[in-house]
Amino acid sequence: MPRYTVHVRGEWLAVPCKDGQLTVGWLGREAVRRYIKNKPDNGGFASVDEVHFLMRRCKGLGLLDNDDPLEVALEDNEFVEVVIEGDVMSPDFIPSQPEGVYLYSKYREPEKYINLDGDSLTTEDLVNLGKGHYKIKLTPTAEKKVQKSRDVIDSIIKEKTGSSSST
């Protein structure tokens, strides 16, 4: 039974296929269905039917025709990408490598800041930072702590390089 690894936004999904006569479009819909099922917020979609997408090979970025049978269009274990209409690709996207691929849906730069002081970061703050709700600012106190740490590291390096040149 052929299997495909399909990238939908930031997730890689393994999609088995029982019938090679199923189409590239079926593979895309099945990958989106699995993506929606496994995301806590359904990936922002109410149903698979509202998702408009294109399919492309990861290696070489070849655009695929949704009507082509899988057995004709793809090799077993091939990596493919679901490109959802309206999504913006990160400049870090490396299509032929599953590790380190980042595709963001309608990314918007956050307008709010969170001040990091080195003492009061909560779990909720950390989750919201991870979701991209905030930009980070260091408080003056935190900046002084960072500089103090940097000075310690610099002095250790200076001691190590000074002692190795004298031996």
N, C-alpha and C. Protein backbone atom coordinates (compact mmCIF):
# COMPACT_ATOMS: atom_id res chain seq x y z
N MET A 1 0.85 -1.18 0.00
CA MET A 1 0.00 0.00 0.00
C MET A 1 0.90 1.24 0.00
N PRO A 2 0.74 2.12 -1.00
CA PRO A 2 1.57 3.33 -1.04
C PRO A 2 1.26 4.27 0.13
N ARG A 3 2.31 4.95 0.56
CA ARG A 3 2.16 5.95 1.62
C ARG A 3 2.83 7.24 1.13
N TYR A 4 2.26 8.35 1.56
CA TYR A 4 2.81 9.65 1.19
C TYR A 4 2.98 10.47 2.44
N THR A 5 3.99 11.31 2.45
CA THR A 5 4.19 12.25 3.55
C THR A 5 3.79 13.61 3.02
N VAL A 6 2.79 14.19 3.67
CA VAL A 6 2.19 15.41 3.16
C VAL A 6 2.38 16.53 4.17
N HIS A 7 2.89 17.66 3.69
CA HIS A 7 3.09 18.83 4.54
C HIS A 7 1.88 19.75 4.40
N VAL A 8 1.24 20.01 5.54
CA VAL A 8 0.12 20.96 5.60
C VAL A 8 0.49 21.99 6.65
N ARG A 9 0.69 23.22 6.21
CA ARG A 9 1.16 24.29 7.10
C ARG A 9 2.39 23.81 7.83
N GLY A 10 2.42 23.81 9.14
CA GLY A 10 3.63 23.42 9.86
C GLY A 10 3.70 21.96 10.23
N GLU A 11 2.82 21.13 9.70
CA GLU A 11 2.76 19.73 10.12
C GLU A 11 3.06 18.77 8.97
N TRP A 12 3.76 17.69 9.27
CA TRP A 12 3.97 16.60 8.33
C TRP A 12 3.03 15.48 8.71
N LEU A 13 2.27 14.97 7.74
CA LEU A 13 1.29 13.93 7.98
C LEU A 13 1.59 12.72 7.10
N ALA A 14 1.53 11.53 7.70
CA ALA A 14 1.68 10.30 6.93
C ALA A 14 0.28 9.89 6.46
N VAL A 15 0.11 9.73 5.15
CA VAL A 15 -1.20 9.40 4.59
C VAL A 15 -1.08 8.12 3.76
N PRO A 16 -1.64 7.01 4.28
CA PRO A 16 -1.64 5.78 3.49
C PRO A 16 -2.72 5.85 2.41
N CYS A 17 -2.51 5.13 1.35
CA CYS A 17 -3.46 5.14 0.23
C CYS A 17 -3.75 3.70 -0.19
N LYS A 18 -5.00 3.27 -0.04
CA LYS A 18 -5.37 1.89 -0.34
C LYS A 18 -5.53 1.64 -1.84
N ASP A 19 -5.71 2.71 -2.61
CA ASP A 19 -6.00 2.54 -4.04
C ASP A 19 -5.22 3.57 -4.85
N GLY A 20 -4.33 3.10 -5.71
CA GLY A 20 -3.52 3.98 -6.54
C GLY A 20 -4.32 4.77 -7.55
N GLN A 21 -5.59 4.39 -7.77
CA GLN A 21 -6.45 5.13 -8.69
C GLN A 21 -7.05 6.38 -8.04
N LEU A 22 -6.91 6.49 -6.70
CA LEU A 22 -7.36 7.73 -6.05
C LEU A 22 -6.51 8.87 -6.60
N THR A 23 -7.04 10.08 -6.53
CA THR A 23 -6.39 11.21 -7.19
C THR A 23 -5.51 12.03 -6.25
N VAL A 24 -4.71 12.87 -6.85
CA VAL A 24 -3.89 13.83 -6.10
C VAL A 24 -4.81 14.71 -5.26
N GLY A 25 -5.95 15.11 -5.81
CA GLY A 25 -6.92 15.91 -5.05
C GLY A 25 -7.42 15.18 -3.81
N TRP A 26 -7.65 13.86 -3.95
CA TRP A 26 -8.06 13.06 -2.79
C TRP A 26 -6.98 13.11 -1.71
N LEU A 27 -5.71 12.96 -2.12
CA LEU A 27 -4.61 12.99 -1.17
C LEU A 27 -4.57 14.32 -0.43
N GLY A 28 -4.76 15.42 -1.17
CA GLY A 28 -4.77 16.74 -0.53
C GLY A 28 -5.91 16.88 0.46
N ARG A 29 -7.12 16.46 0.05
CA ARG A 29 -8.27 16.55 0.96
C ARG A 29 -8.08 15.67 2.20
N GLU A 30 -7.54 14.46 1.99
CA GLU A 30 -7.31 13.55 3.12
C GLU A 30 -6.27 14.13 4.08
N ALA A 31 -5.21 14.74 3.54
CA ALA A 31 -4.20 15.37 4.39
C ALA A 31 -4.79 16.54 5.17
N VAL A 32 -5.60 17.35 4.50
CA VAL A 32 -6.24 18.49 5.18
C VAL A 32 -7.22 17.97 6.25
N ARG A 33 -7.94 16.89 5.93
CA ARG A 33 -8.87 16.31 6.92
C ARG A 33 -8.11 15.87 8.17
N ARG A 34 -6.98 15.19 7.97
CA ARG A 34 -6.16 14.74 9.10
C ARG A 34 -5.57 15.93 9.86
N TYR A 35 -5.18 16.94 9.14
CA TYR A 35 -4.64 18.16 9.77
C TYR A 35 -5.71 18.79 10.66
N ILE A 36 -6.92 18.99 10.12
CA ILE A 36 -8.01 19.60 10.87
C ILE A 36 -8.35 18.75 12.10
N LYS A 37 -8.39 17.46 11.93
CA LYS A 37 -8.74 16.53 13.02
C LYS A 37 -7.75 16.63 14.18
N ASN A 38 -6.48 16.83 13.87
CA ASN A 38 -5.44 16.78 14.89
C ASN A 38 -5.05 18.13 15.48
N LYS A 39 -5.61 19.22 14.98
CA LYS A 39 -5.28 20.54 15.53
C LYS A 39 -6.35 20.93 16.54
N PRO A 40 -5.95 21.48 17.69
CA PRO A 40 -6.94 21.86 18.72
C PRO A 40 -7.98 22.86 18.20
N ASP A 41 -7.57 23.76 17.32
CA ASP A 41 -8.50 24.76 16.79
C ASP A 41 -8.98 24.40 15.39
N ASN A 42 -8.83 23.12 15.01
CA ASN A 42 -9.17 22.63 13.66
C ASN A 42 -8.38 23.35 12.57
N GLY A 43 -7.26 23.94 12.94
CA GLY A 43 -6.45 24.64 11.96
C GLY A 43 -7.11 25.89 11.44
N GLY A 44 -8.19 26.32 12.11
CA GLY A 44 -8.91 27.52 11.68
C GLY A 44 -9.97 27.24 10.62
N PHE A 45 -10.25 25.97 10.34
CA PHE A 45 -11.23 25.61 9.32
C PHE A 45 -12.42 24.90 9.94
N ALA A 46 -13.60 25.16 9.41
CA ALA A 46 -14.81 24.46 9.86
C ALA A 46 -14.91 23.09 9.19
N SER A 47 -14.47 22.99 7.94
CA SER A 47 -14.53 21.71 7.23
C SER A 47 -13.51 21.68 6.10
N VAL A 48 -13.24 20.48 5.62
CA VAL A 48 -12.32 20.30 4.51
C VAL A 48 -12.84 21.01 3.26
N ASP A 49 -14.16 21.03 3.11
CA ASP A 49 -14.76 21.61 1.91
C ASP A 49 -14.45 23.09 1.73
N GLU A 50 -14.16 23.80 2.82
CA GLU A 50 -13.89 25.24 2.68
C GLU A 50 -12.42 25.54 2.38
N VAL A 51 -11.58 24.50 2.34
CA VAL A 51 -10.15 24.69 2.09
C VAL A 51 -9.87 24.58 0.60
N HIS A 52 -9.33 25.65 0.02
CA HIS A 52 -8.93 25.65 -1.39
C HIS A 52 -7.41 25.53 -1.43
N PHE A 53 -6.91 24.56 -2.20
CA PHE A 53 -5.48 24.29 -2.17
C PHE A 53 -4.97 23.81 -3.53
N LEU A 54 -3.65 23.88 -3.64
CA LEU A 54 -2.91 23.28 -4.75
C LEU A 54 -2.00 22.23 -4.14
N MET A 55 -1.56 21.29 -4.95
CA MET A 55 -0.62 20.27 -4.49
C MET A 55 0.65 20.40 -5.30
N ARG A 56 1.80 20.24 -4.63
CA ARG A 56 3.06 20.24 -5.35
C ARG A 56 4.03 19.28 -4.69
N ARG A 57 4.94 18.76 -5.52
CA ARG A 57 6.02 17.93 -5.01
C ARG A 57 6.94 18.80 -4.17
N CYS A 58 7.49 18.25 -3.11
CA CYS A 58 8.45 19.01 -2.32
C CYS A 58 9.78 19.11 -3.05
N LYS A 59 10.21 18.02 -3.65
CA LYS A 59 11.48 18.05 -4.38
C LYS A 59 11.22 18.62 -5.77
N GLY A 60 11.79 19.76 -6.05
CA GLY A 60 11.61 20.40 -7.35
C GLY A 60 10.40 21.30 -7.45
N LEU A 61 9.53 21.26 -6.46
CA LEU A 61 8.33 22.12 -6.38
C LEU A 61 7.39 21.96 -7.57
N GLY A 62 7.38 20.79 -8.20
CA GLY A 62 6.49 20.58 -9.34
C GLY A 62 5.03 20.61 -8.93
N LEU A 63 4.24 21.42 -9.63
CA LEU A 63 2.81 21.53 -9.37
C LEU A 63 2.12 20.27 -9.89
N LEU A 64 1.20 19.72 -9.08
CA LEU A 64 0.50 18.49 -9.44
C LEU A 64 -0.93 18.80 -9.85
N ASP A 65 -1.48 18.01 -10.74
CA ASP A 65 -2.87 18.15 -11.17
C ASP A 65 -3.74 17.33 -10.24
N ASN A 66 -4.73 17.96 -9.61
CA ASN A 66 -5.59 17.28 -8.65
C ASN A 66 -6.36 16.11 -9.25
N ASP A 67 -6.53 16.08 -10.57
CA ASP A 67 -7.29 15.01 -11.21
C ASP A 67 -6.45 13.79 -11.57
N ASP A 68 -5.12 13.90 -11.47
CA ASP A 68 -4.26 12.78 -11.84
C ASP A 68 -4.34 11.66 -10.80
N PRO A 69 -4.35 10.41 -11.24
CA PRO A 69 -4.30 9.29 -10.29
C PRO A 69 -2.95 9.28 -9.57
N LEU A 70 -2.95 8.92 -8.31
CA LEU A 70 -1.72 8.90 -7.51
C LEU A 70 -0.66 7.99 -8.10
N GLU A 71 -1.07 6.82 -8.62
CA GLU A 71 -0.09 5.87 -9.14
C GLU A 71 0.64 6.40 -10.38
N VAL A 72 0.06 7.38 -11.05
CA VAL A 72 0.70 7.98 -12.22
C VAL A 72 1.53 9.20 -11.81
N ALA A 73 1.03 9.98 -10.86
CA ALA A 73 1.64 11.27 -10.54
C ALA A 73 2.78 11.19 -9.52
N LEU A 74 2.72 10.20 -8.61
CA LEU A 74 3.68 10.16 -7.50
C LEU A 74 4.31 8.79 -7.33
N GLU A 75 5.49 8.79 -6.72
CA GLU A 75 6.15 7.56 -6.31
C GLU A 75 5.73 7.25 -4.88
N ASP A 76 5.80 5.98 -4.49
CA ASP A 76 5.55 5.60 -3.10
C ASP A 76 6.54 6.33 -2.19
N ASN A 77 6.07 6.74 -1.04
CA ASN A 77 6.87 7.46 -0.03
C ASN A 77 7.33 8.84 -0.47
N GLU A 78 6.67 9.44 -1.43
CA GLU A 78 7.05 10.77 -1.89
C GLU A 78 6.55 11.83 -0.90
N PHE A 79 7.28 12.95 -0.84
CA PHE A 79 6.91 14.09 -0.01
C PHE A 79 6.18 15.11 -0.88
N VAL A 80 4.99 15.51 -0.43
CA VAL A 80 4.22 16.50 -1.17
C VAL A 80 3.73 17.59 -0.22
N GLU A 81 3.40 18.72 -0.80
CA GLU A 81 2.99 19.90 -0.05
C GLU A 81 1.57 20.28 -0.44
N VAL A 82 0.71 20.53 0.57
CA VAL A 82 -0.60 21.13 0.33
C VAL A 82 -0.39 22.64 0.49
N VAL A 83 -0.60 23.37 -0.58
CA VAL A 83 -0.45 24.83 -0.55
C VAL A 83 -1.85 25.42 -0.46
N ILE A 84 -2.20 25.91 0.73
CA ILE A 84 -3.54 26.41 0.97
C ILE A 84 -3.65 27.85 0.48
N GLU A 85 -4.70 28.11 -0.28
CA GLU A 85 -4.93 29.45 -0.83
C GLU A 85 -4.96 30.47 0.30
N GLY A 86 -4.18 31.53 0.16
CA GLY A 86 -4.13 32.59 1.16
C GLY A 86 -2.99 32.45 2.15
N ASP A 87 -2.35 31.27 2.21
CA ASP A 87 -1.22 31.09 3.12
C ASP A 87 0.02 31.74 2.53
N VAL A 88 0.93 32.13 3.41
CA VAL A 88 2.17 32.77 2.99
C VAL A 88 3.32 31.87 3.42
N MET A 89 4.25 31.60 2.52
CA MET A 89 5.36 30.72 2.82
C MET A 89 6.46 31.49 3.54
N SER A 90 7.00 30.86 4.56
CA SER A 90 8.13 31.42 5.28
C SER A 90 9.37 31.40 4.40
N PRO A 91 10.26 32.39 4.54
CA PRO A 91 11.51 32.35 3.77
C PRO A 91 12.40 31.19 4.19
N ASP A 92 12.13 30.56 5.36
CA ASP A 92 12.91 29.43 5.84
C ASP A 92 12.47 28.11 5.24
N PHE A 93 11.44 28.12 4.37
CA PHE A 93 10.89 26.88 3.83
C PHE A 93 11.92 26.15 2.98
N ILE A 94 12.18 24.89 3.33
CA ILE A 94 13.07 24.03 2.56
C ILE A 94 12.23 22.85 2.12
N PRO A 95 11.72 22.86 0.89
CA PRO A 95 10.71 21.90 0.48
C PRO A 95 11.11 20.45 0.48
N SER A 96 12.38 20.12 0.27
CA SER A 96 12.76 18.71 0.17
C SER A 96 13.19 18.13 1.51
N GLN A 97 13.16 18.92 2.57
CA GLN A 97 13.59 18.45 3.87
C GLN A 97 12.48 18.62 4.90
N PRO A 98 11.94 17.50 5.44
CA PRO A 98 10.87 17.61 6.42
C PRO A 98 11.28 18.34 7.68
N GLU A 99 12.55 18.26 8.09
CA GLU A 99 12.97 18.93 9.31
C GLU A 99 13.10 20.42 9.05
N GLY A 100 12.62 21.22 9.98
CA GLY A 100 12.84 22.66 9.90
C GLY A 100 12.01 23.38 8.88
N VAL A 101 10.88 22.85 8.49
CA VAL A 101 10.02 23.53 7.52
C VAL A 101 8.99 24.34 8.28
N TYR A 102 8.81 25.57 7.86
CA TYR A 102 7.86 26.44 8.55
C TYR A 102 6.97 27.12 7.53
N LEU A 103 5.70 26.83 7.59
CA LEU A 103 4.73 27.48 6.72
C LEU A 103 3.70 28.11 7.62
N TYR A 104 3.50 29.38 7.50
CA TYR A 104 2.60 30.09 8.40
C TYR A 104 1.36 30.53 7.64
N SER A 105 0.23 30.36 8.26
CA SER A 105 -1.02 30.75 7.65
C SER A 105 -1.32 32.20 7.97
N LYS A 106 -1.37 33.02 6.94
CA LYS A 106 -1.77 34.42 7.10
C LYS A 106 -1.08 35.07 8.29
N TYR A 107 0.22 34.92 8.37
CA TYR A 107 0.99 35.44 9.49
C TYR A 107 0.89 36.96 9.55
N ARG A 108 0.67 37.46 10.75
CA ARG A 108 0.67 38.90 11.00
C ARG A 108 1.61 39.18 12.17
N GLU A 109 2.43 40.19 12.01
CA GLU A 109 3.34 40.60 13.07
C GLU A 109 2.52 41.04 14.28
N PRO A 110 2.83 40.53 15.48
CA PRO A 110 2.06 40.96 16.66
C PRO A 110 2.30 42.45 16.95
N GLU A 111 1.28 43.08 17.50
CA GLU A 111 1.38 44.51 17.83
C GLU A 111 1.70 44.72 19.31
N LYS A 112 1.35 43.74 20.15
CA LYS A 112 1.57 43.87 21.59
C LYS A 112 2.95 43.36 21.97
N TYR A 113 3.49 43.94 23.04
CA TYR A 113 4.78 43.52 23.57
C TYR A 113 4.59 42.89 24.94
N ILE A 114 5.49 41.97 25.27
CA ILE A 114 5.57 41.45 26.63
C ILE A 114 6.95 41.83 27.14
N ASN A 115 6.99 42.36 28.34
CA ASN A 115 8.26 42.77 28.93
C ASN A 115 8.85 41.62 29.73
N LEU A 116 10.05 41.19 29.34
CA LEU A 116 10.73 40.12 30.07
C LEU A 116 11.68 40.76 31.07
N ASP A 117 11.48 40.39 32.33
CA ASP A 117 12.31 40.95 33.39
C ASP A 117 13.20 39.90 34.05
N GLY A 118 13.05 38.63 33.64
CA GLY A 118 13.86 37.57 34.23
C GLY A 118 13.24 36.94 35.45
N ASP A 119 12.06 37.42 35.88
CA ASP A 119 11.46 36.90 37.11
C ASP A 119 9.99 36.52 37.00
N SER A 120 9.24 37.14 36.09
CA SER A 120 7.78 37.02 36.17
C SER A 120 7.11 36.35 34.98
N LEU A 121 7.84 35.63 34.14
CA LEU A 121 7.25 34.97 32.99
C LEU A 121 6.37 33.80 33.45
N THR A 122 5.11 33.80 33.03
CA THR A 122 4.19 32.72 33.41
C THR A 122 4.10 31.71 32.26
N THR A 123 3.53 30.55 32.57
CA THR A 123 3.31 29.53 31.54
C THR A 123 2.39 30.08 30.46
N GLU A 124 1.37 30.81 30.88
CA GLU A 124 0.43 31.41 29.91
C GLU A 124 1.16 32.40 28.99
N ASP A 125 2.06 33.20 29.56
CA ASP A 125 2.86 34.12 28.74
C ASP A 125 3.69 33.35 27.72
N LEU A 126 4.29 32.25 28.16
CA LEU A 126 5.13 31.44 27.29
C LEU A 126 4.31 30.85 26.14
N VAL A 127 3.13 30.36 26.45
CA VAL A 127 2.24 29.81 25.42
C VAL A 127 1.87 30.91 24.43
N ASN A 128 1.51 32.08 24.92
CA ASN A 128 1.13 33.19 24.04
C ASN A 128 2.31 33.67 23.19
N LEU A 129 3.51 33.62 23.74
CA LEU A 129 4.70 33.94 22.93
C LEU A 129 4.86 32.92 21.81
N GLY A 130 4.68 31.64 22.15
CA GLY A 130 4.79 30.58 21.16
C GLY A 130 3.75 30.70 20.06
N LYS A 131 2.60 31.23 20.38
CA LYS A 131 1.53 31.42 19.39
C LYS A 131 1.74 32.70 18.58
N GLY A 132 2.76 33.47 18.93
CA GLY A 132 3.06 34.69 18.18
C GLY A 132 2.17 35.86 18.54
N HIS A 133 1.61 35.86 19.76
CA HIS A 133 0.74 36.96 20.16
C HIS A 133 1.50 38.20 20.62
N TYR A 134 2.77 38.03 20.96
CA TYR A 134 3.55 39.15 21.49
C TYR A 134 4.92 39.25 20.83
N LYS A 135 5.43 40.47 20.81
CA LYS A 135 6.85 40.70 20.56
C LYS A 135 7.49 40.79 21.94
N ILE A 136 8.81 40.65 21.98
CA ILE A 136 9.51 40.64 23.26
C ILE A 136 10.31 41.93 23.44
N LYS A 137 10.22 42.48 24.65
CA LYS A 137 11.07 43.59 25.06
C LYS A 137 11.72 43.20 26.39
N LEU A 138 13.00 43.49 26.53
CA LEU A 138 13.66 43.28 27.81
C LEU A 138 13.50 44.55 28.65
N THR A 139 13.25 44.37 29.94
CA THR A 139 13.21 45.53 30.83
C THR A 139 14.65 45.99 31.05
N PRO A 140 14.83 47.24 31.49
CA PRO A 140 16.20 47.71 31.77
C PRO A 140 16.93 46.81 32.78
N THR A 141 16.21 46.31 33.77
CA THR A 141 16.82 45.41 34.76
C THR A 141 17.30 44.13 34.09
N ALA A 142 16.48 43.56 33.21
CA ALA A 142 16.87 42.33 32.50
C ALA A 142 18.06 42.59 31.58
N GLU A 143 18.08 43.75 30.92
CA GLU A 143 19.21 44.09 30.06
C GLU A 143 20.51 44.14 30.87
N LYS A 144 20.44 44.70 32.08
CA LYS A 144 21.63 44.77 32.94
C LYS A 144 22.09 43.36 33.32
N LYS A 145 21.12 42.46 33.61
CA LYS A 145 21.46 41.07 33.95
C LYS A 145 22.13 40.37 32.77
N VAL A 146 21.61 40.60 31.57
CA VAL A 146 22.19 40.00 30.38
C VAL A 146 23.61 40.52 30.18
N GLN A 147 23.81 41.83 30.34
CA GLN A 147 25.14 42.41 30.17
C GLN A 147 26.11 41.86 31.21
N LYS A 148 25.64 41.71 32.45
CA LYS A 148 26.48 41.18 33.52
C LYS A 148 26.91 39.75 33.18
N SER A 149 25.98 38.95 32.69
CA SER A 149 26.29 37.57 32.28
C SER A 149 27.31 37.56 31.14
N ARG A 150 27.11 38.47 30.19
CA ARG A 150 28.04 38.58 29.05
C ARG A 150 29.44 38.93 29.53
N ASP A 151 29.52 39.85 30.51
CA ASP A 151 30.82 40.25 31.06
C ASP A 151 31.52 39.05 31.73
N VAL A 152 30.75 38.21 32.43
CA VAL A 152 31.33 37.02 33.07
C VAL A 152 31.89 36.09 32.00
N ILE A 153 31.12 35.85 30.95
CA ILE A 153 31.57 34.96 29.87
C ILE A 153 32.82 35.53 29.21
N ASP A 154 32.80 36.83 28.93
CA ASP A 154 33.98 37.46 28.31
C ASP A 154 35.22 37.32 29.19
N SER A 155 35.05 37.48 30.52
CA SER A 155 36.22 37.36 31.41
C SER A 155 36.74 35.93 31.46
N ILE A 156 35.84 34.95 31.41
CA ILE A 156 36.27 33.54 31.37
C ILE A 156 37.04 33.26 30.09
N ILE A 157 36.54 33.75 28.99
CA ILE A 157 37.21 33.55 27.70
C ILE A 157 38.58 34.21 27.73
N LYS A 158 38.63 35.40 28.27
CA LYS A 158 39.90 36.14 28.34
C LYS A 158 40.92 35.39 29.20
N GLU A 159 40.44 34.82 30.34
CA GLU A 159 41.33 34.04 31.21
C GLU A 159 41.84 32.80 30.50
N LYS A 160 40.93 32.10 29.79
CA LYS A 160 41.30 30.85 29.08
C LYS A 160 42.30 31.12 27.97
N THR A 161 42.06 32.16 27.18
CA THR A 161 42.97 32.46 26.07
C THR A 161 44.29 33.00 26.59
N GLY A 162 44.24 33.74 27.69
CA GLY A 162 45.48 34.27 28.28
C GLY A 162 46.34 33.16 28.86
N SER A 163 45.71 32.15 29.50
CA SER A 163 46.49 31.08 30.13
C SER A 163 47.05 30.11 29.10
N SER A 164 46.33 29.90 27.98
CA SER A 164 46.84 28.96 26.98
C SER A 164 48.00 29.54 26.19
N SER A 165 48.07 30.86 26.07
CA SER A 165 49.19 31.47 25.32
C SER A 165 50.45 31.53 26.17
N SER A 166 50.32 31.42 27.51
CA SER A 166 51.50 31.50 28.37
C SER A 166 52.14 30.15 28.61
N THR A 167 51.48 29.04 28.22
CA THR A 167 52.06 27.71 28.44
C THR A 167 52.91 27.24 27.31
